[in-house]
Amino acid sequence: MTSKDSTKGIKSDGWSTRYYELPEGSKELQDLIEYKNMNFAVANIFKAAYRLGDKEGTSPEYDLNKIVFFAERELIRRKKLSDQSSIPDSDSNG
């Protein structure tokens, strides 16, 4: 088992790599979501991709739209975080 921190920066050669290994004892998606410390948006993308059209009363298009919706929200969230981190700290301006 590899920890989520040790998977950052693993180079892929196109074959199966450590970041695809499942954590020991995982039995359902929630175990993987918690192991990867996914936020709400990313977890919803993951779940919708996994079930793609299998949920009663939904179609693959419903799940794909859900994936797009949450992916767009996650991109906006990450851009805001990136923009905030590039703002100089007012205390450092002597």
PDB file of N, CA and C in Angstrom:
ATOM      1  N   MET A   1       0.846  -1.187   0.000  1.00  0.00           N
ATOM      2  CA  MET A   1       0.000   0.000   0.000  1.00  0.00           C
ATOM      3  C   MET A   1       0.886   1.244   0.000  1.00  0.00           C
ATOM      4  N   THR A   2       0.507   2.197  -0.822  1.00  0.00           N
ATOM      5  CA  THR A   2       1.233   3.461  -0.837  1.00  0.00           C
ATOM      6  C   THR A   2       0.344   4.543  -0.244  1.00  0.00           C
ATOM      7  N   SER A   3       0.950   5.477   0.448  1.00  0.00           N
ATOM      8  CA  SER A   3       0.158   6.580   0.989  1.00  0.00           C
ATOM      9  C   SER A   3      -0.090   7.590  -0.109  1.00  0.00           C
ATOM     10  N   LYS A   4      -1.119   8.397   0.073  1.00  0.00           N
ATOM     11  CA  LYS A   4      -1.449   9.383  -0.953  1.00  0.00           C
ATOM     12  C   LYS A   4      -0.318  10.379  -1.161  1.00  0.00           C
ATOM     13  N   ASP A   5       0.447  10.669  -0.134  1.00  0.00           N
ATOM     14  CA  ASP A   5       1.541  11.620  -0.279  1.00  0.00           C
ATOM     15  C   ASP A   5       2.676  11.053  -1.118  1.00  0.00           C
ATOM     16  N   SER A   6       2.887   9.742  -1.053  1.00  0.00           N
ATOM     17  CA  SER A   6       3.996   9.162  -1.797  1.00  0.00           C
ATOM     18  C   SER A   6       3.673   9.003  -3.271  1.00  0.00           C
ATOM     19  N   THR A   7       2.424   9.220  -3.697  1.00  0.00           N
ATOM     20  CA  THR A   7       2.071   9.068  -5.106  1.00  0.00           C
ATOM     21  C   THR A   7       2.293  10.341  -5.894  1.00  0.00           C
ATOM     22  N   LYS A   8       2.540  11.456  -5.261  1.00  0.00           N
ATOM     23  CA  LYS A   8       2.751  12.709  -5.979  1.00  0.00           C
ATOM     24  C   LYS A   8       4.060  12.638  -6.737  1.00  0.00           C
ATOM     25  N   GLY A   9       3.978  12.955  -8.021  1.00  0.00           N
ATOM     26  CA  GLY A   9       5.175  13.003  -8.823  1.00  0.00           C
ATOM     27  C   GLY A   9       5.654  11.662  -9.356  1.00  0.00           C
ATOM     28  N   ILE A  10       4.854  10.615  -9.262  1.00  0.00           N
ATOM     29  CA  ILE A  10       5.250   9.327  -9.818  1.00  0.00           C
ATOM     30  C   ILE A  10       5.137   9.406 -11.329  1.00  0.00           C
ATOM     31  N   LYS A  11       6.226   9.099 -12.001  1.00  0.00           N
ATOM     32  CA  LYS A  11       6.241   9.159 -13.460  1.00  0.00           C
ATOM     33  C   LYS A  11       5.580   7.903 -14.017  1.00  0.00           C
ATOM     34  N   SER A  12       4.706   8.097 -14.990  1.00  0.00           N
ATOM     35  CA  SER A  12       4.033   6.976 -15.625  1.00  0.00           C
ATOM     36  C   SER A  12       4.724   6.625 -16.929  1.00  0.00           C
ATOM     37  N   ASP A  13       4.886   5.333 -17.158  1.00  0.00           N
ATOM     38  CA  ASP A  13       5.442   4.880 -18.429  1.00  0.00           C
ATOM     39  C   ASP A  13       4.348   4.303 -19.325  1.00  0.00           C
ATOM     40  N   GLY A  14       3.094   4.525 -18.944  1.00  0.00           N
ATOM     41  CA  GLY A  14       1.969   4.011 -19.718  1.00  0.00           C
ATOM     42  C   GLY A  14       1.440   2.692 -19.189  1.00  0.00           C
ATOM     43  N   TRP A  15       2.205   2.044 -18.344  1.00  0.00           N
ATOM     44  CA  TRP A  15       1.767   0.797 -17.725  1.00  0.00           C
ATOM     45  C   TRP A  15       1.180   1.107 -16.358  1.00  0.00           C
ATOM     46  N   SER A  16       0.710   0.121 -15.681  1.00  0.00           N
ATOM     47  CA  SER A  16       0.148   0.305 -14.349  1.00  0.00           C
ATOM     48  C   SER A  16       1.233   0.786 -13.390  1.00  0.00           C
ATOM     49  N   THR A  17       0.898   1.789 -12.606  1.00  0.00           N
ATOM     50  CA  THR A  17       1.852   2.323 -11.639  1.00  0.00           C
ATOM     51  C   THR A  17       1.241   2.341 -10.256  1.00  0.00           C
ATOM     52  N   ARG A  18       2.038   2.728  -9.275  1.00  0.00           N
ATOM     53  CA  ARG A  18       1.595   2.690  -7.876  1.00  0.00           C
ATOM     54  C   ARG A  18       0.367   3.545  -7.608  1.00  0.00           C
ATOM     55  N   TYR A  19       0.182   4.629  -8.359  1.00  0.00           N
ATOM     56  CA  TYR A  19      -0.968   5.467  -8.033  1.00  0.00           C
ATOM     57  C   TYR A  19      -2.291   4.816  -8.394  1.00  0.00           C
ATOM     58  N   TYR A  20      -2.253   3.661  -9.035  1.00  0.00           N
ATOM     59  CA  TYR A  20      -3.483   2.907  -9.300  1.00  0.00           C
ATOM     60  C   TYR A  20      -3.730   1.805  -8.277  1.00  0.00           C
ATOM     61  N   GLU A  21      -2.804   1.604  -7.364  1.00  0.00           N
ATOM     62  CA  GLU A  21      -2.985   0.578  -6.340  1.00  0.00           C
ATOM     63  C   GLU A  21      -4.066   1.012  -5.366  1.00  0.00           C
ATOM     64  N   LEU A  22      -4.873   0.046  -4.945  1.00  0.00           N
ATOM     65  CA  LEU A  22      -5.941   0.336  -3.989  1.00  0.00           C
ATOM     66  C   LEU A  22      -5.411   0.203  -2.572  1.00  0.00           C
ATOM     67  N   PRO A  23      -5.885   1.084  -1.690  1.00  0.00           N
ATOM     68  CA  PRO A  23      -5.441   0.967  -0.302  1.00  0.00           C
ATOM     69  C   PRO A  23      -5.935  -0.351   0.304  1.00  0.00           C
ATOM     70  N   GLU A  24      -5.126  -0.911   1.143  1.00  0.00           N
ATOM     71  CA  GLU A  24      -5.485  -2.169   1.794  1.00  0.00           C
ATOM     72  C   GLU A  24      -6.796  -2.012   2.554  1.00  0.00           C
ATOM     73  N   GLY A  25      -7.684  -2.972   2.388  1.00  0.00           N
ATOM     74  CA  GLY A  25      -8.948  -2.971   3.113  1.00  0.00           C
ATOM     75  C   GLY A  25     -10.049  -2.155   2.468  1.00  0.00           C
ATOM     76  N   SER A  26      -9.778  -1.515   1.349  1.00  0.00           N
ATOM     77  CA  SER A  26     -10.829  -0.722   0.709  1.00  0.00           C
ATOM     78  C   SER A  26     -11.853  -1.658   0.075  1.00  0.00           C
ATOM     79  N   LYS A  27     -13.134  -1.322   0.278  1.00  0.00           N
ATOM     80  CA  LYS A  27     -14.204  -2.178  -0.214  1.00  0.00           C
ATOM     81  C   LYS A  27     -15.218  -1.417  -1.064  1.00  0.00           C
ATOM     82  N   GLU A  28     -15.231  -0.117  -0.953  1.00  0.00           N
ATOM     83  CA  GLU A  28     -16.193   0.673  -1.730  1.00  0.00           C
ATOM     84  C   GLU A  28     -15.585   2.024  -2.071  1.00  0.00           C
ATOM     85  N   LEU A  29     -16.274   2.756  -2.920  1.00  0.00           N
ATOM     86  CA  LEU A  29     -15.750   4.039  -3.382  1.00  0.00           C
ATOM     87  C   LEU A  29     -15.449   4.992  -2.236  1.00  0.00           C
ATOM     88  N   GLN A  30     -16.273   4.999  -1.221  1.00  0.00           N
ATOM     89  CA  GLN A  30     -16.057   5.920  -0.104  1.00  0.00           C
ATOM     90  C   GLN A  30     -14.689   5.697   0.531  1.00  0.00           C
ATOM     91  N   ASP A  31     -14.239   4.444   0.570  1.00  0.00           N
ATOM     92  CA  ASP A  31     -12.893   4.167   1.102  1.00  0.00           C
ATOM     93  C   ASP A  31     -11.828   4.850   0.257  1.00  0.00           C
ATOM     94  N   LEU A  32     -11.991   4.814  -1.057  1.00  0.00           N
ATOM     95  CA  LEU A  32     -11.027   5.447  -1.953  1.00  0.00           C
ATOM     96  C   LEU A  32     -11.100   6.968  -1.859  1.00  0.00           C
ATOM     97  N   ILE A  33     -12.320   7.487  -1.748  1.00  0.00           N
ATOM     98  CA  ILE A  33     -12.520   8.935  -1.623  1.00  0.00           C
ATOM     99  C   ILE A  33     -11.814   9.446  -0.369  1.00  0.00           C
ATOM    100  N   GLU A  34     -11.975   8.744   0.732  1.00  0.00           N
ATOM    101  CA  GLU A  34     -11.327   9.151   1.977  1.00  0.00           C
ATOM    102  C   GLU A  34      -9.812   8.985   1.887  1.00  0.00           C
ATOM    103  N   TYR A  35      -9.345   7.899   1.292  1.00  0.00           N
ATOM    104  CA  TYR A  35      -7.905   7.653   1.163  1.00  0.00           C
ATOM    105  C   TYR A  35      -7.228   8.749   0.354  1.00  0.00           C
ATOM    106  N   LYS A  36      -7.881   9.179  -0.715  1.00  0.00           N
ATOM    107  CA  LYS A  36      -7.321  10.229  -1.574  1.00  0.00           C
ATOM    108  C   LYS A  36      -7.656  11.628  -1.071  1.00  0.00           C
ATOM    109  N   ASN A  37      -8.417  11.709   0.029  1.00  0.00           N
ATOM    110  CA  ASN A  37      -8.792  12.987   0.623  1.00  0.00           C
ATOM    111  C   ASN A  37      -9.460  13.907  -0.405  1.00  0.00           C
ATOM    112  N   MET A  38     -10.408  13.331  -1.172  1.00  0.00           N
ATOM    113  CA  MET A  38     -11.090  14.101  -2.212  1.00  0.00           C
ATOM    114  C   MET A  38     -12.069  15.091  -1.595  1.00  0.00           C
ATOM    115  N   ASN A  39     -12.142  16.272  -2.188  1.00  0.00           N
ATOM    116  CA  ASN A  39     -13.143  17.232  -1.748  1.00  0.00           C
ATOM    117  C   ASN A  39     -14.495  16.870  -2.373  1.00  0.00           C
ATOM    118  N   PHE A  40     -15.530  17.636  -2.046  1.00  0.00           N
ATOM    119  CA  PHE A  40     -16.891  17.332  -2.486  1.00  0.00           C
ATOM    120  C   PHE A  40     -17.001  17.245  -4.005  1.00  0.00           C
ATOM    121  N   ALA A  41     -16.436  18.211  -4.711  1.00  0.00           N
ATOM    122  CA  ALA A  41     -16.549  18.246  -6.171  1.00  0.00           C
ATOM    123  C   ALA A  41     -15.829  17.056  -6.804  1.00  0.00           C
ATOM    124  N   VAL A  42     -14.616  16.800  -6.393  1.00  0.00           N
ATOM    125  CA  VAL A  42     -13.842  15.708  -6.975  1.00  0.00           C
ATOM    126  C   VAL A  42     -14.485  14.355  -6.649  1.00  0.00           C
ATOM    127  N   ALA A  43     -14.986  14.208  -5.441  1.00  0.00           N
ATOM    128  CA  ALA A  43     -15.668  12.965  -5.072  1.00  0.00           C
ATOM    129  C   ALA A  43     -16.908  12.741  -5.936  1.00  0.00           C
ATOM    130  N   ASN A  44     -17.653  13.798  -6.217  1.00  0.00           N
ATOM    131  CA  ASN A  44     -18.833  13.656  -7.072  1.00  0.00           C
ATOM    132  C   ASN A  44     -18.452  13.289  -8.507  1.00  0.00           C
ATOM    133  N   ILE A  45     -17.359  13.840  -9.006  1.00  0.00           N
ATOM    134  CA  ILE A  45     -16.858  13.469 -10.334  1.00  0.00           C
ATOM    135  C   ILE A  45     -16.503  11.981 -10.345  1.00  0.00           C
ATOM    136  N   PHE A  46     -15.778  11.556  -9.341  1.00  0.00           N
ATOM    137  CA  PHE A  46     -15.337  10.165  -9.222  1.00  0.00           C
ATOM    138  C   PHE A  46     -16.528   9.208  -9.179  1.00  0.00           C
ATOM    139  N   LYS A  47     -17.510   9.523  -8.339  1.00  0.00           N
ATOM    140  CA  LYS A  47     -18.676   8.650  -8.209  1.00  0.00           C
ATOM    141  C   LYS A  47     -19.496   8.610  -9.497  1.00  0.00           C
ATOM    142  N   ALA A  48     -19.698   9.759 -10.119  1.00  0.00           N
ATOM    143  CA  ALA A  48     -20.486   9.802 -11.355  1.00  0.00           C
ATOM    144  C   ALA A  48     -19.790   9.037 -12.478  1.00  0.00           C
ATOM    145  N   ALA A  49     -18.477   9.146 -12.558  1.00  0.00           N
ATOM    146  CA  ALA A  49     -17.726   8.410 -13.587  1.00  0.00           C
ATOM    147  C   ALA A  49     -17.812   6.904 -13.345  1.00  0.00           C
ATOM    148  N   TYR A  50     -17.745   6.501 -12.100  1.00  0.00           N
ATOM    149  CA  TYR A  50     -17.777   5.081 -11.772  1.00  0.00           C
ATOM    150  C   TYR A  50     -19.131   4.449 -12.113  1.00  0.00           C
ATOM    151  N   ARG A  51     -20.207   5.152 -11.796  1.00  0.00           N
ATOM    152  CA  ARG A  51     -21.535   4.564 -12.007  1.00  0.00           C
ATOM    153  C   ARG A  51     -22.110   4.862 -13.386  1.00  0.00           C
ATOM    154  N   LEU A  52     -21.556   5.756 -14.143  1.00  0.00           N
ATOM    155  CA  LEU A  52     -21.990   6.226 -15.451  1.00  0.00           C
ATOM    156  C   LEU A  52     -23.234   5.516 -16.010  1.00  0.00           C
ATOM    157  N   GLY A  53     -24.390   6.047 -15.664  1.00  0.00           N
ATOM    158  CA  GLY A  53     -25.659   5.539 -16.172  1.00  0.00           C
ATOM    159  C   GLY A  53     -26.236   4.363 -15.409  1.00  0.00           C
ATOM    160  N   ASP A  54     -25.556   3.863 -14.392  1.00  0.00           N
ATOM    161  CA  ASP A  54     -26.046   2.706 -13.642  1.00  0.00           C
ATOM    162  C   ASP A  54     -27.044   3.067 -12.543  1.00  0.00           C
ATOM    163  N   LYS A  55     -27.076   4.316 -12.131  1.00  0.00           N
ATOM    164  CA  LYS A  55     -27.989   4.735 -11.065  1.00  0.00           C
ATOM    165  C   LYS A  55     -29.409   4.768 -11.612  1.00  0.00           C
ATOM    166  N   GLU A  56     -30.318   4.136 -10.893  1.00  0.00           N
ATOM    167  CA  GLU A  56     -31.712   4.068 -11.334  1.00  0.00           C
ATOM    168  C   GLU A  56     -32.274   5.471 -11.580  1.00  0.00           C
ATOM    169  N   GLY A  57     -32.895   5.635 -12.712  1.00  0.00           N
ATOM    170  CA  GLY A  57     -33.530   6.905 -13.041  1.00  0.00           C
ATOM    171  C   GLY A  57     -32.605   7.917 -13.692  1.00  0.00           C
ATOM    172  N   THR A  58     -31.352   7.524 -13.943  1.00  0.00           N
ATOM    173  CA  THR A  58     -30.422   8.441 -14.601  1.00  0.00           C
ATOM    174  C   THR A  58     -29.860   7.796 -15.869  1.00  0.00           C
ATOM    175  N   SER A  59     -29.338   8.629 -16.707  1.00  0.00           N
ATOM    176  CA  SER A  59     -28.732   8.167 -17.957  1.00  0.00           C
ATOM    177  C   SER A  59     -27.240   8.482 -17.917  1.00  0.00           C
ATOM    178  N   PRO A  60     -26.485   7.907 -18.835  1.00  0.00           N
ATOM    179  CA  PRO A  60     -25.070   8.286 -18.913  1.00  0.00           C
ATOM    180  C   PRO A  60     -24.910   9.795 -19.136  1.00  0.00           C
ATOM    181  N   GLU A  61     -25.806  10.402 -19.895  1.00  0.00           N
ATOM    182  CA  GLU A  61     -25.726  11.849 -20.140  1.00  0.00           C
ATOM    183  C   GLU A  61     -25.899  12.639 -18.851  1.00  0.00           C
ATOM    184  N   TYR A  62     -26.779  12.175 -17.966  1.00  0.00           N
ATOM    185  CA  TYR A  62     -26.970  12.835 -16.667  1.00  0.00           C
ATOM    186  C   TYR A  62     -25.648  12.837 -15.896  1.00  0.00           C
ATOM    187  N   ASP A  63     -25.025  11.660 -15.832  1.00  0.00           N
ATOM    188  CA  ASP A  63     -23.768  11.566 -15.089  1.00  0.00           C
ATOM    189  C   ASP A  63     -22.659  12.373 -15.752  1.00  0.00           C
ATOM    190  N   LEU A  64     -22.602  12.371 -17.082  1.00  0.00           N
ATOM    191  CA  LEU A  64     -21.599  13.176 -17.773  1.00  0.00           C
ATOM    192  C   LEU A  64     -21.807  14.665 -17.522  1.00  0.00           C
ATOM    193  N   ASN A  65     -23.053  15.105 -17.508  1.00  0.00           N
ATOM    194  CA  ASN A  65     -23.344  16.511 -17.180  1.00  0.00           C
ATOM    195  C   ASN A  65     -22.930  16.835 -15.750  1.00  0.00           C
ATOM    196  N   LYS A  66     -23.143  15.891 -14.845  1.00  0.00           N
ATOM    197  CA  LYS A  66     -22.738  16.093 -13.454  1.00  0.00           C
ATOM    198  C   LYS A  66     -21.217  16.210 -13.361  1.00  0.00           C
ATOM    199  N   ILE A  67     -20.507  15.373 -14.110  1.00  0.00           N
ATOM    200  CA  ILE A  67     -19.047  15.426 -14.128  1.00  0.00           C
ATOM    201  C   ILE A  67     -18.577  16.792 -14.629  1.00  0.00           C
ATOM    202  N   VAL A  68     -19.173  17.273 -15.710  1.00  0.00           N
ATOM    203  CA  VAL A  68     -18.800  18.582 -16.270  1.00  0.00           C
ATOM    204  C   VAL A  68     -19.093  19.688 -15.263  1.00  0.00           C
ATOM    205  N   PHE A  69     -20.274  19.646 -14.644  1.00  0.00           N
ATOM    206  CA  PHE A  69     -20.660  20.668 -13.667  1.00  0.00           C
ATOM    207  C   PHE A  69     -19.637  20.753 -12.535  1.00  0.00           C
ATOM    208  N   PHE A  70     -19.317  19.598 -11.936  1.00  0.00           N
ATOM    209  CA  PHE A  70     -18.391  19.612 -10.804  1.00  0.00           C
ATOM    210  C   PHE A  70     -16.956  19.888 -11.239  1.00  0.00           C
ATOM    211  N   ALA A  71     -16.580  19.473 -12.446  1.00  0.00           N
ATOM    212  CA  ALA A  71     -15.231  19.776 -12.947  1.00  0.00           C
ATOM    213  C   ALA A  71     -15.061  21.279 -13.141  1.00  0.00           C
ATOM    214  N   GLU A  72     -16.082  21.930 -13.689  1.00  0.00           N
ATOM    215  CA  GLU A  72     -16.009  23.385 -13.863  1.00  0.00           C
ATOM    216  C   GLU A  72     -15.921  24.093 -12.527  1.00  0.00           C
ATOM    217  N   ARG A  73     -16.694  23.640 -11.551  1.00  0.00           N
ATOM    218  CA  ARG A  73     -16.636  24.245 -10.212  1.00  0.00           C
ATOM    219  C   ARG A  73     -15.255  24.049  -9.586  1.00  0.00           C
ATOM    220  N   GLU A  74     -14.687  22.854  -9.762  1.00  0.00           N
ATOM    221  CA  GLU A  74     -13.374  22.582  -9.185  1.00  0.00           C
ATOM    222  C   GLU A  74     -12.294  23.426  -9.850  1.00  0.00           C
ATOM    223  N   LEU A  75     -12.393  23.613 -11.153  1.00  0.00           N
ATOM    224  CA  LEU A  75     -11.431  24.473 -11.843  1.00  0.00           C
ATOM    225  C   LEU A  75     -11.508  25.910 -11.337  1.00  0.00           C
ATOM    226  N   ILE A  76     -12.710  26.410 -11.130  1.00  0.00           N
ATOM    227  CA  ILE A  76     -12.899  27.766 -10.598  1.00  0.00           C
ATOM    228  C   ILE A  76     -12.314  27.865  -9.189  1.00  0.00           C
ATOM    229  N   ARG A  77     -12.592  26.865  -8.358  1.00  0.00           N
ATOM    230  CA  ARG A  77     -12.075  26.860  -6.984  1.00  0.00           C
ATOM    231  C   ARG A  77     -10.548  26.881  -6.986  1.00  0.00           C
ATOM    232  N   ARG A  78      -9.949  26.049  -7.829  1.00  0.00           N
ATOM    233  CA  ARG A  78      -8.485  25.987  -7.876  1.00  0.00           C
ATOM    234  C   ARG A  78      -7.877  27.280  -8.412  1.00  0.00           C
ATOM    235  N   LYS A  79      -8.539  27.899  -9.377  1.00  0.00           N
ATOM    236  CA  LYS A  79      -8.042  29.178  -9.907  1.00  0.00           C
ATOM    237  C   LYS A  79      -8.086  30.241  -8.820  1.00  0.00           C
ATOM    238  N   LYS A  80      -9.176  30.276  -8.052  1.00  0.00           N
ATOM    239  CA  LYS A  80      -9.268  31.240  -6.952  1.00  0.00           C
ATOM    240  C   LYS A  80      -8.145  31.022  -5.942  1.00  0.00           C
ATOM    241  N   LEU A  81      -7.883  29.760  -5.605  1.00  0.00           N
ATOM    242  CA  LEU A  81      -6.804  29.464  -4.660  1.00  0.00           C
ATOM    243  C   LEU A  81      -5.456  29.897  -5.218  1.00  0.00           C
ATOM    244  N   SER A  82      -5.245  29.634  -6.489  1.00  0.00           N
ATOM    245  CA  SER A  82      -3.995  30.012  -7.135  1.00  0.00           C
ATOM    246  C   SER A  82      -3.838  31.531  -7.162  1.00  0.00           C
ATOM    247  N   ASP A  83      -4.911  32.231  -7.486  1.00  0.00           N
ATOM    248  CA  ASP A  83      -4.872  33.693  -7.508  1.00  0.00           C
ATOM    249  C   ASP A  83      -4.599  34.263  -6.126  1.00  0.00           C
ATOM    250  N   GLN A  84      -5.205  33.666  -5.102  1.00  0.00           N
ATOM    251  CA  GLN A  84      -5.006  34.139  -3.734  1.00  0.00           C
ATOM    252  C   GLN A  84      -3.575  33.916  -3.272  1.00  0.00           C
ATOM    253  N   SER A  85      -2.986  32.812  -3.699  1.00  0.00           N
ATOM    254  CA  SER A  85      -1.619  32.529  -3.254  1.00  0.00           C
ATOM    255  C   SER A  85      -0.593  33.409  -3.957  1.00  0.00           C
ATOM    256  N   SER A  86      -0.973  34.032  -5.061  1.00  0.00           N
ATOM    257  CA  SER A  86      -0.034  34.903  -5.767  1.00  0.00           C
ATOM    258  C   SER A  86      -0.127  36.355  -5.305  1.00  0.00           C
ATOM    259  N   ILE A  87      -1.063  36.659  -4.410  1.00  0.00           N
ATOM    260  CA  ILE A  87      -1.194  38.011  -3.863  1.00  0.00           C
ATOM    261  C   ILE A  87      -0.141  38.177  -2.765  1.00  0.00           C
ATOM    262  N   PRO A  88       0.710  39.196  -2.871  1.00  0.00           N
ATOM    263  CA  PRO A  88       1.742  39.393  -1.836  1.00  0.00           C
ATOM    264  C   PRO A  88       1.104  39.680  -0.482  1.00  0.00           C
ATOM    265  N   ASP A  89       1.722  39.163   0.546  1.00  0.00           N
ATOM    266  CA  ASP A  89       1.266  39.388   1.909  1.00  0.00           C
ATOM    267  C   ASP A  89       1.518  40.844   2.278  1.00  0.00           C
ATOM    268  N   SER A  90       0.502  41.546   2.783  1.00  0.00           N
ATOM    269  CA  SER A  90       0.640  42.971   3.089  1.00  0.00           C
ATOM    270  C   SER A  90       1.658  43.219   4.192  1.00  0.00           C
ATOM    271  N   ASP A  91       1.898  42.215   5.050  1.00  0.00           N
ATOM    272  CA  ASP A  91       2.886  42.373   6.132  1.00  0.00           C
ATOM    273  C   ASP A  91       4.309  42.356   5.623  1.00  0.00           C
ATOM    274  N   SER A  92       4.532  41.802   4.427  1.00  0.00           N
ATOM    275  CA  SER A  92       5.899  41.687   3.919  1.00  0.00           C
ATOM    276  C   SER A  92       6.358  42.948   3.179  1.00  0.00           C
ATOM    277  N   ASN A  93       5.500  43.932   3.049  1.00  0.00           N
ATOM    278  CA  ASN A  93       5.866  45.158   2.349  1.00  0.00           C
ATOM    279  C   ASN A  93       6.388  46.211   3.335  1.00  0.00           C
ATOM    280  N   GLY A  94       7.473  45.931   3.968  1.00  0.00           N
ATOM    281  CA  GLY A  94       8.188  46.674   4.936  1.00  0.00           C
ATOM    282  C   GLY A  94       7.804  47.984   5.303  1.00  0.00           C
TER     283      GLY A  94
END
